[in-house]
Amino acid sequence: MALKFYNTLHRKKEEFKPIKKGRVGLYTCGPTVYDFSHIGNLRTYIFEDILRRTLEYNGYEVKHIMNITDVGHLTSDEDTGEDKVEKAAREKKKSAWQIAEFYTEQFKKDLADLNIEPAEVMPKATDHIKEQITLIKKLEQKGFTYKTSDGIYFDTSKFKNYGKLGKIDIKGLKKGARVKEGEKKNLTDFALWKFSPRLHSGQARRQMEWKSPWGVGFPGWHIECSAMSVKYLGQPFDIHAGGIDHIPVHHQNEIAQSEAAYDKPLANYWVHGGFLVAKQKKMAKSEGAFITLKTLKEKGFNPLAYRFFVLGTHYRKPLNFSWTALEAGEKGLKNLYNQLRNLGNKGGKINKKKKNKFLKKINDDLNAPQALAVMQKILKSKLSNGDKLATLLDFDKILGLRLMEAAKPVKIPKKIKELAEKREKLRKEKKWSEADELRQQIKKLGYQIEDTKRGPLFVKRVQGRA
């Protein structure tokens, strides 16, 4: 069955054809580790996880690389401002290395909570300075660079078709924009290497800096991805994925420097996820107010409720976030879990006809909402319970909702069972108020009770939320 993605490079859906039969090289842009990832960032990582799982479900062997940006990402995309990791270190009175390590580990915990499969390799920018310097030297030898008082820049006017990914109107842009120290030749030019600023005493202002042929400094934000993608995947590779916000600057600059250096396409397919929108604004750290997965957990939400909420909207469309919408997503996930438990635990077979319907939806540009709709139709179908369960568990290889765990019967302590039996007796006697008091008592002990046609069903609460 054909697998199709919307390729940003050509602005249309295209059938996926790998460079090497049965294998896929996948590069996804990872976090800048100066703070917690917000749930808008995590929406992108969930979509990329669905992408990877779909490729694997279709029989491909996937080599997935996700970078960790721990140096070089300045507070402005125009190569000005302070390094985000260095700024966080100064504000928190920690070393830049401590900040990067702490938030890298927090990011990995978020991935685990959301059941996102970790990339095969998660290379750090600071571990690949040598490769970045080598790539800049290559660009210099080919005449694509120039020097200003604050760094080495890529001359975009020398790269044919600059702006092709983002459909940038170069002629419509103003030229000669000044940077703080030095001058760009073109507004779209970007830093490959930045010189470290010095205090009047000569002491370094930065913690992270390295020697280079051009002077002591640090790499620009974009060069790391080009250096690490070619090291681990070669060039070209199959798929480059990320958030839609990377199209006009970061991914555009990756293409320019990589293709200028090697005279080959960087990637054949560019796949981008849409924004998470809250109160009609995209969620962004630059706005100051953003929500993390930690916040969701503190409010008692199961992280997988957020994953389920995200899957309800196509990855390329804006997703409107509100607490009410998330609560609805949590309720939908609980209902799904309860429906699975009601199927029992008898073995069955995967229904090929239903599987093909599911695969047709998910293979059509990762249409998760329609794939979820197929699941609901299966639950309402006349298939045997065993076949329903086997088929849905197979689909979860892509959806990643941990349905196998949900389908397992919950072990209920003797005390909880006794309270439930008393409650059920009160319900039969129509003593609703007293029955509800016992329900609340059970809830305080850490268990939620759901009433089904087969009788009371226990669901252990997650992190204090009913």
Protein backbone atom coordinates (compact mmCIF):
# COMPACT_ATOMS: atom_id res chain seq x y z
CA MET A 1 0.00 0.00 0.00
CA ALA A 2 1.44 3.38 -1.05
CA LEU A 3 2.85 5.61 1.68
CA LYS A 4 2.47 9.33 1.00
CA PHE A 5 3.74 12.48 2.71
CA TYR A 6 3.13 16.15 2.08
CA ASN A 7 6.55 17.31 0.86
CA THR A 8 7.08 20.95 1.84
CA LEU A 9 9.75 21.26 -0.85
CA HIS A 10 7.22 20.72 -3.65
CA ARG A 11 4.05 21.78 -1.77
CA LYS A 12 2.19 18.56 -2.53
CA LYS A 13 1.64 15.01 -1.35
CA GLU A 14 4.10 12.56 -2.86
CA GLU A 15 4.52 8.81 -2.72
CA PHE A 16 7.47 7.90 -0.55
CA LYS A 17 10.33 6.19 -2.37
CA PRO A 18 13.44 5.51 -0.27
CA ILE A 19 16.97 5.95 -1.53
CA LYS A 20 17.86 2.43 -0.42
CA LYS A 21 15.24 -0.30 -0.62
CA GLY A 22 13.80 -1.15 2.77
CA ARG A 23 15.81 1.51 4.62
CA VAL A 24 15.07 5.09 5.66
CA GLY A 25 17.38 7.84 6.85
CA LEU A 26 15.37 10.21 9.08
CA TYR A 27 16.65 13.44 10.63
CA THR A 28 14.49 15.41 13.05
CA CYS A 29 15.42 18.69 14.72
CA GLY A 30 15.69 18.25 18.47
CA PRO A 31 15.49 20.68 21.40
CA THR A 32 17.64 23.63 22.39
CA VAL A 33 18.36 22.59 25.96
CA TYR A 34 18.12 25.80 27.95
CA ASP A 35 14.63 25.19 29.40
CA PHE A 36 11.86 22.60 29.52
CA SER A 37 10.21 21.77 26.20
CA HIS A 38 6.71 23.19 26.06
CA ILE A 39 3.74 21.16 24.86
CA GLY A 40 3.87 22.89 21.47
CA ASN A 41 7.39 21.53 20.98
CA LEU A 42 6.19 18.14 22.18
CA ARG A 43 3.39 18.12 19.61
CA THR A 44 6.11 18.15 16.95
CA TYR A 45 7.97 15.26 18.58
CA ILE A 46 4.73 13.24 18.79
CA PHE A 47 4.09 13.75 15.07
CA GLU A 48 7.66 12.72 14.29
CA ASP A 49 7.18 9.61 16.43
CA ILE A 50 4.05 8.71 14.43
CA LEU A 51 6.09 9.25 11.26
CA ARG A 52 8.82 6.89 12.42
CA ARG A 53 6.38 4.27 13.72
CA THR A 54 4.46 4.38 10.43
CA LEU A 55 7.65 3.80 8.46
CA GLU A 56 8.52 0.85 10.70
CA TYR A 57 4.98 -0.53 10.49
CA ASN A 58 5.36 -0.49 6.70
CA GLY A 59 8.45 -2.67 7.02
CA TYR A 60 11.21 -0.09 6.75
CA GLU A 61 14.37 -0.17 8.82
CA VAL A 62 14.66 3.40 10.12
CA LYS A 63 17.88 5.14 11.15
CA HIS A 64 16.64 8.10 13.16
CA ILE A 65 18.92 10.98 14.17
CA MET A 66 17.76 13.81 16.45
CA ASN A 67 20.21 16.55 17.39
CA ILE A 68 20.58 18.19 20.80
CA THR A 69 21.35 21.90 20.44
CA ASP A 70 23.48 22.80 23.45
CA VAL A 71 25.36 25.73 21.91
CA GLY A 72 24.95 28.38 19.22
CA HIS A 73 21.20 29.05 19.27
CA LEU A 74 20.99 32.78 19.94
CA THR A 75 17.96 34.62 21.25
CA SER A 76 17.38 36.00 17.75
CA ASP A 77 17.15 34.09 14.47
CA GLU A 78 19.12 37.00 12.93
CA ASP A 79 22.32 35.87 14.71
CA THR A 80 22.10 38.53 17.39
CA GLY A 81 21.53 38.39 21.13
CA GLU A 82 22.87 36.02 23.74
CA ASP A 83 23.30 32.28 23.43
CA LYS A 84 20.18 30.74 25.01
CA VAL A 85 22.11 28.13 27.02
CA GLU A 86 24.67 30.69 28.25
CA LYS A 87 21.88 33.11 29.21
CA ALA A 88 20.07 30.41 31.21
CA ALA A 89 23.34 29.51 32.95
CA ARG A 90 23.93 33.13 33.96
CA GLU A 91 20.38 33.57 35.23
CA LYS A 92 20.37 30.30 37.18
CA LYS A 93 23.98 30.69 38.39
CA LYS A 94 24.98 27.34 36.89
CA SER A 95 27.53 26.34 34.29
CA ALA A 96 26.35 26.17 30.68
CA TRP A 97 27.28 22.48 30.72
CA GLN A 98 25.10 21.85 33.78
CA ILE A 99 22.15 23.64 32.19
CA ALA A 100 22.47 21.67 28.95
CA GLU A 101 22.81 18.34 30.76
CA PHE A 102 19.85 18.98 33.07
CA TYR A 103 17.42 19.97 30.33
CA THR A 104 18.62 17.19 28.03
CA GLU A 105 17.68 14.68 30.72
CA GLN A 106 14.33 16.40 31.30
CA PHE A 107 13.63 16.20 27.57
CA LYS A 108 14.34 12.47 27.57
CA LYS A 109 11.93 12.03 30.49
CA ASP A 110 9.23 13.86 28.51
CA LEU A 111 9.80 11.50 25.59
CA ALA A 112 9.43 8.49 27.88
CA ASP A 113 6.24 9.88 29.47
CA LEU A 114 4.71 10.42 26.02
CA ASN A 115 5.83 6.99 24.80
CA ILE A 116 7.96 8.57 22.07
CA GLU A 117 10.62 6.19 20.80
CA PRO A 118 14.06 7.78 21.28
CA ALA A 119 16.17 8.39 18.18
CA GLU A 120 18.89 5.86 17.42
CA VAL A 121 21.47 8.63 17.85
CA MET A 122 20.95 11.95 19.69
CA PRO A 123 24.20 13.80 18.93
CA LYS A 124 25.09 16.98 20.81
CA ALA A 125 26.33 20.05 18.95
CA THR A 126 29.19 20.45 21.46
CA ASP A 127 30.45 16.94 20.68
CA HIS A 128 30.73 17.77 16.96
CA ILE A 129 32.68 21.04 16.85
CA LYS A 130 35.40 19.43 14.71
CA GLU A 131 32.87 18.33 12.08
CA GLN A 132 31.29 21.79 12.02
CA ILE A 133 34.65 23.52 11.54
CA THR A 134 35.48 21.09 8.71
CA LEU A 135 32.21 21.92 6.95
CA ILE A 136 32.76 25.68 7.31
CA LYS A 137 36.27 25.30 5.85
CA LYS A 138 34.76 23.44 2.89
CA LEU A 139 32.30 26.28 2.30
CA GLU A 140 35.14 28.79 2.62
CA GLN A 141 37.21 26.95 0.00
CA LYS A 142 34.24 27.02 -2.38
CA GLY A 143 33.79 30.77 -1.97
CA PHE A 144 30.52 30.83 -0.03
CA THR A 145 31.75 32.66 3.08
CA TYR A 146 32.90 36.10 4.15
CA LYS A 147 34.21 37.58 7.38
CA THR A 148 32.76 40.37 9.49
CA SER A 149 33.97 41.69 12.82
CA ASP A 150 31.64 39.33 14.67
CA GLY A 151 31.93 36.12 12.69
CA ILE A 152 32.06 34.07 9.50
CA TYR A 153 28.90 34.34 7.39
CA PHE A 154 27.34 32.38 4.54
CA ASP A 155 26.75 34.49 1.43
CA THR A 156 23.26 33.48 0.31
CA SER A 157 23.54 35.48 -2.93
CA LYS A 158 26.06 32.90 -4.17
CA PHE A 159 23.70 29.98 -3.62
CA LYS A 160 21.30 29.45 -6.49
CA ASN A 161 17.64 29.05 -5.51
CA TYR A 162 18.11 30.21 -1.91
CA GLY A 163 14.64 30.33 -0.40
CA LYS A 164 13.19 27.41 -2.37
CA LEU A 165 11.91 25.58 0.71
CA GLY A 166 10.12 28.55 2.22
CA LYS A 167 9.29 30.17 -1.14
CA ILE A 168 11.09 33.30 0.07
CA ASP A 169 10.84 36.41 -2.11
CA ILE A 170 14.49 37.40 -1.98
CA LYS A 171 14.05 40.44 -4.26
CA GLY A 172 11.36 41.76 -1.97
CA LEU A 173 13.65 41.78 1.05
CA LYS A 174 15.70 44.80 2.05
CA LYS A 175 19.44 44.44 1.70
CA GLY A 176 22.35 45.62 3.81
CA ALA A 177 20.88 44.92 7.24
CA ARG A 178 23.41 45.66 9.93
CA VAL A 179 24.36 43.27 12.68
CA LYS A 180 25.60 44.47 16.03
CA GLU A 181 29.27 44.05 15.15
CA GLY A 182 29.86 44.04 11.41
CA GLU A 183 27.62 43.99 8.39
CA LYS A 184 25.81 41.35 6.38
CA LYS A 185 26.01 41.60 2.62
CA ASN A 186 22.45 40.28 2.29
CA LEU A 187 19.58 40.21 4.74
CA THR A 188 19.30 36.42 4.43
CA ASP A 189 23.00 35.74 5.16
CA PHE A 190 23.61 33.79 8.35
CA ALA A 191 26.42 33.03 10.78
CA LEU A 192 28.48 29.88 10.41
CA TRP A 193 30.92 30.79 13.20
CA LYS A 194 30.63 33.55 15.79
CA PHE A 195 33.62 35.14 17.51
CA SER A 196 33.55 35.09 21.29
CA PRO A 197 33.09 38.56 22.78
CA ARG A 198 35.67 39.67 25.36
CA LEU A 199 35.45 41.91 28.40
CA HIS A 200 37.78 44.94 28.64
CA SER A 201 40.08 42.82 30.78
CA GLY A 202 40.36 40.32 27.94
CA GLN A 203 38.46 37.67 29.87
CA ALA A 204 35.95 35.59 27.91
CA ARG A 205 32.26 36.40 28.31
CA ARG A 206 31.28 32.87 27.30
CA GLN A 207 31.74 29.49 28.94
CA MET A 208 31.42 27.51 25.71
CA GLU A 209 34.04 28.46 23.11
CA TRP A 210 36.59 26.73 20.90
CA LYS A 211 39.64 27.54 18.80
CA SER A 212 39.11 27.67 15.04
CA PRO A 213 41.03 28.80 11.93
CA TRP A 214 39.14 32.11 12.17
CA GLY A 215 39.51 32.78 15.87
CA VAL A 216 38.11 31.65 19.22
CA GLY A 217 34.35 31.32 19.09
CA PHE A 218 31.40 29.00 18.69
CA PRO A 219 29.31 27.59 15.82
CA GLY A 220 26.16 29.17 14.45
CA TRP A 221 22.84 27.46 15.06
CA HIS A 222 22.31 25.97 11.58
CA ILE A 223 25.72 24.44 10.86
CA GLU A 224 25.35 21.72 13.51
CA CYS A 225 22.47 20.00 11.73
CA SER A 226 24.27 19.93 8.38
CA ALA A 227 27.46 18.59 9.96
CA MET A 228 25.73 15.89 11.99
CA SER A 229 23.22 14.79 9.36
CA VAL A 230 25.95 14.14 6.79
CA LYS A 231 28.05 12.31 9.39
CA TYR A 232 25.30 9.93 10.48
CA LEU A 233 23.08 9.67 7.40
CA GLY A 234 25.16 10.79 4.43
CA GLN A 235 23.80 13.13 1.77
CA PRO A 236 21.20 13.01 0.46
CA PHE A 237 19.10 11.21 3.03
CA ASP A 238 15.41 10.40 2.86
CA ILE A 239 13.38 12.53 5.25
CA HIS A 240 13.98 15.71 7.23
CA ALA A 241 11.19 16.59 9.68
CA GLY A 242 10.46 19.36 12.14
CA GLY A 243 8.10 22.13 13.13
CA ILE A 244 6.64 24.52 10.58
CA ASP A 245 8.48 27.40 12.27
CA HIS A 246 11.81 25.99 10.99
CA ILE A 247 10.86 26.38 7.31
CA PRO A 248 11.79 30.03 6.60
CA VAL A 249 15.12 30.19 8.46
CA HIS A 250 16.66 27.09 10.04
CA HIS A 251 15.77 24.48 7.43
CA GLN A 252 16.28 26.94 4.61
CA ASN A 253 19.81 27.61 5.85
CA GLU A 254 20.53 23.92 6.33
CA ILE A 255 19.69 23.34 2.68
CA ALA A 256 21.89 26.23 1.52
CA GLN A 257 25.05 25.26 3.41
CA SER A 258 24.71 21.50 2.86
CA GLU A 259 23.97 21.69 -0.85
CA ALA A 260 26.63 24.38 -1.39
CA ALA A 261 29.20 22.13 0.30
CA TYR A 262 28.36 18.82 -1.38
CA ASP A 263 26.51 19.76 -4.61
CA LYS A 264 23.75 17.28 -3.73
CA PRO A 265 20.24 17.62 -2.30
CA LEU A 266 20.18 17.52 1.50
CA ALA A 267 16.98 15.47 1.85
CA ASN A 268 14.36 14.20 -0.58
CA TYR A 269 11.31 14.76 1.63
CA TRP A 270 10.68 17.67 4.00
CA VAL A 271 7.81 17.03 6.43
CA HIS A 272 6.61 19.74 8.83
CA GLY A 273 4.12 19.82 11.70
CA GLY A 274 1.77 22.71 12.50
CA PHE A 275 1.62 24.97 15.53
CA LEU A 276 -0.07 24.39 18.85
CA VAL A 277 -2.28 27.45 19.37
CA ALA A 278 -3.41 28.80 22.74
CA LYS A 279 -5.65 31.87 22.94
CA GLN A 280 -5.13 32.48 19.21
CA LYS A 281 -1.33 32.61 19.57
CA LYS A 282 1.22 29.91 18.80
CA MET A 283 2.80 28.52 21.93
CA ALA A 284 6.38 29.78 22.12
CA LYS A 285 8.98 30.29 24.85
CA SER A 286 9.67 33.77 23.48
CA GLU A 287 6.12 34.73 24.52
CA GLY A 288 6.97 33.95 28.14
CA ALA A 289 3.80 32.04 29.01
CA PHE A 290 4.04 28.41 27.95
CA ILE A 291 2.88 25.08 29.33
CA THR A 292 5.17 22.12 29.95
CA LEU A 293 4.41 18.44 30.34
CA LYS A 294 5.44 18.82 33.96
CA THR A 295 2.56 21.29 34.41
CA LEU A 296 0.12 18.79 32.90
CA LYS A 297 1.35 16.08 35.23
CA GLU A 298 1.10 18.36 38.27
CA LYS A 299 -2.52 19.01 37.33
CA GLY A 300 -3.04 15.25 37.34
CA PHE A 301 -3.22 14.55 33.61
CA ASN A 302 -1.86 11.33 32.18
CA PRO A 303 0.80 12.39 29.62
CA LEU A 304 -0.76 9.92 27.18
CA ALA A 305 -3.98 11.94 27.38
CA TYR A 306 -2.01 14.75 25.73
CA ARG A 307 -0.72 12.33 23.09
CA PHE A 308 -4.29 11.19 22.40
CA PHE A 309 -5.43 14.83 22.23
CA VAL A 310 -2.70 15.59 19.68
CA LEU A 311 -3.63 12.61 17.50
CA GLY A 312 -7.15 13.97 17.17
CA THR A 313 -5.96 16.72 14.78
CA HIS A 314 -3.97 16.20 11.56
CA TYR A 315 -0.32 17.01 12.19
CA ARG A 316 -0.19 19.77 9.54
CA LYS A 317 -3.19 21.67 10.90
CA PRO A 318 -3.05 24.19 13.78
CA LEU A 319 -4.14 22.56 17.03
CA ASN A 320 -6.12 24.71 19.47
CA PHE A 321 -5.20 23.98 23.07
CA SER A 322 -7.41 24.61 26.08
CA TRP A 323 -7.78 22.81 29.39
CA THR A 324 -11.33 21.90 28.43
CA ALA A 325 -10.13 20.35 25.18
CA LEU A 326 -7.43 18.40 27.01
CA GLU A 327 -9.97 17.12 29.53
CA ALA A 328 -12.10 15.90 26.63
CA GLY A 329 -9.03 14.15 25.22
CA GLU A 330 -8.38 12.52 28.58
CA LYS A 331 -11.98 11.32 28.74
CA GLY A 332 -11.69 9.92 25.21
CA LEU A 333 -8.56 7.98 26.13
CA LYS A 334 -10.18 6.59 29.28
CA ASN A 335 -13.19 5.48 27.27
CA LEU A 336 -10.88 3.72 24.84
CA TYR A 337 -9.07 1.98 27.69
CA ASN A 338 -12.37 0.89 29.23
CA GLN A 339 -13.62 -0.46 25.92
CA LEU A 340 -10.46 -2.52 25.61
CA ARG A 341 -10.84 -3.93 29.12
CA ASN A 342 -14.40 -4.90 28.28
CA LEU A 343 -13.08 -7.09 25.46
CA GLY A 344 -11.58 -9.52 27.95
CA ASN A 345 -8.20 -11.18 27.47
CA LYS A 346 -8.91 -14.03 25.07
CA GLY A 347 -6.55 -14.27 22.11
CA GLY A 348 -7.65 -13.46 18.59
CA LYS A 349 -6.39 -12.73 15.11
CA ILE A 350 -5.62 -9.44 13.40
CA ASN A 351 -8.39 -8.71 10.92
CA LYS A 352 -6.66 -8.04 7.59
CA LYS A 353 -9.57 -6.11 6.08
CA LYS A 354 -9.70 -3.71 9.04
CA LYS A 355 -5.93 -3.46 9.07
CA ASN A 356 -5.91 -2.38 5.43
CA LYS A 357 -8.48 0.31 6.18
CA PHE A 358 -6.36 1.60 9.07
CA LEU A 359 -3.19 1.47 6.99
CA LYS A 360 -4.86 3.32 4.11
CA LYS A 361 -5.65 6.22 6.47
CA ILE A 362 -2.33 6.43 8.29
CA ASN A 363 -0.34 5.98 5.06
CA ASP A 364 -2.17 8.95 3.56
CA ASP A 365 0.08 11.64 5.05
CA LEU A 366 -0.19 10.30 8.61
CA ASN A 367 -3.92 10.90 8.96
CA ALA A 368 -4.17 9.95 12.64
CA PRO A 369 -7.70 11.36 13.20
CA GLN A 370 -9.13 9.07 10.52
CA ALA A 371 -7.05 6.17 11.81
CA LEU A 372 -8.62 6.69 15.26
CA ALA A 373 -12.03 6.69 13.61
CA VAL A 374 -11.26 3.26 12.13
CA MET A 375 -10.52 2.02 15.66
CA GLN A 376 -13.91 3.17 16.91
CA LYS A 377 -15.65 1.43 14.02
CA ILE A 378 -13.85 -1.78 14.91
CA LEU A 379 -15.01 -1.52 18.53
CA LYS A 380 -18.62 -1.20 17.29
CA SER A 381 -18.25 -3.96 14.69
CA LYS A 382 -19.40 -7.58 14.84
CA LEU A 383 -15.87 -8.96 15.10
CA SER A 384 -15.21 -11.28 18.02
CA ASN A 385 -13.76 -9.61 21.11
CA GLY A 386 -10.51 -11.49 20.65
CA ASP A 387 -10.10 -10.30 17.05
CA LYS A 388 -10.98 -6.74 18.04
CA LEU A 389 -8.33 -6.76 20.75
CA ALA A 390 -5.62 -8.29 18.54
CA THR A 391 -6.34 -5.81 15.74
CA LEU A 392 -6.34 -2.73 17.98
CA LEU A 393 -3.15 -3.78 19.73
CA ASP A 394 -1.54 -4.10 16.31
CA PHE A 395 -2.61 -0.55 15.42
CA ASP A 396 -1.03 0.70 18.63
CA LYS A 397 2.38 -0.04 17.17
CA ILE A 398 1.80 3.26 15.36
CA LEU A 399 -0.44 5.18 17.77
CA GLY A 400 1.70 4.48 20.84
CA LEU A 401 -1.11 4.77 23.41
CA ARG A 402 0.08 1.77 25.45
CA LEU A 403 -3.11 -0.15 24.78
CA MET A 404 -1.49 -3.42 25.86
CA GLU A 405 -1.05 -2.07 29.38
CA ALA A 406 -4.58 -0.65 29.38
CA ALA A 407 -6.06 -3.98 28.31
CA LYS A 408 -4.58 -5.79 31.30
CA PRO A 409 -6.95 -6.33 34.21
CA VAL A 410 -6.22 -4.03 37.15
CA LYS A 411 -5.22 -5.85 40.36
CA ILE A 412 -7.57 -4.55 43.01
CA PRO A 413 -6.66 -4.66 46.75
CA LYS A 414 -9.04 -6.54 49.02
CA LYS A 415 -10.12 -3.37 50.84
CA ILE A 416 -11.08 -1.64 47.57
CA LYS A 417 -13.08 -4.69 46.46
CA GLU A 418 -15.00 -4.74 49.75
CA LEU A 419 -15.87 -1.04 49.41
CA ALA A 420 -16.96 -1.61 45.80
CA GLU A 421 -19.22 -4.49 46.82
CA LYS A 422 -20.86 -2.30 49.49
CA ARG A 423 -21.30 0.47 46.93
CA GLU A 424 -22.87 -1.92 44.42
CA LYS A 425 -25.32 -3.13 47.06
CA LEU A 426 -26.28 0.47 47.86
CA ARG A 427 -26.78 1.18 44.17
CA LYS A 428 -29.16 -1.78 43.84
CA GLU A 429 -31.05 -0.43 46.84
CA LYS A 430 -31.11 2.96 45.03
CA LYS A 431 -29.27 4.65 47.89
CA TRP A 432 -27.43 6.89 45.45
CA SER A 433 -26.03 9.41 47.94
CA GLU A 434 -24.44 6.77 50.16
CA ALA A 435 -23.13 4.92 47.10
CA ASP A 436 -21.51 8.11 45.86
CA GLU A 437 -19.81 8.63 49.24
CA LEU A 438 -18.17 5.22 48.87
CA ARG A 439 -17.15 6.09 45.31
CA GLN A 440 -15.34 9.17 46.65
CA GLN A 441 -13.71 7.10 49.39
CA ILE A 442 -12.43 4.66 46.76
CA LYS A 443 -11.16 7.61 44.73
CA LYS A 444 -9.18 8.96 47.71
CA LEU A 445 -7.50 5.56 48.02
CA GLY A 446 -6.22 5.89 44.47
CA TYR A 447 -8.77 4.05 42.35
CA GLN A 448 -11.45 5.19 39.99
CA ILE A 449 -14.52 3.05 39.51
CA GLU A 450 -16.35 3.03 36.18
CA ASP A 451 -19.78 1.46 35.81
CA THR A 452 -20.20 -0.75 32.74
CA LYS A 453 -22.76 -3.26 31.45
CA ARG A 454 -20.57 -5.99 32.90
CA GLY A 455 -20.53 -4.37 36.32
CA PRO A 456 -18.05 -2.03 38.06
CA LEU A 457 -14.69 -1.60 36.40
CA PHE A 458 -11.66 -0.29 38.26
CA VAL A 459 -9.20 2.12 36.74
CA LYS A 460 -6.21 3.03 38.86
CA ARG A 461 -5.86 6.79 38.88
CA VAL A 462 -2.82 8.43 37.34
CA GLN A 463 -1.03 11.05 39.44
CA GLY A 464 -3.98 11.98 41.57
CA ARG A 465 -6.49 12.72 38.81
CA ALA A 466 -9.85 10.99 38.69
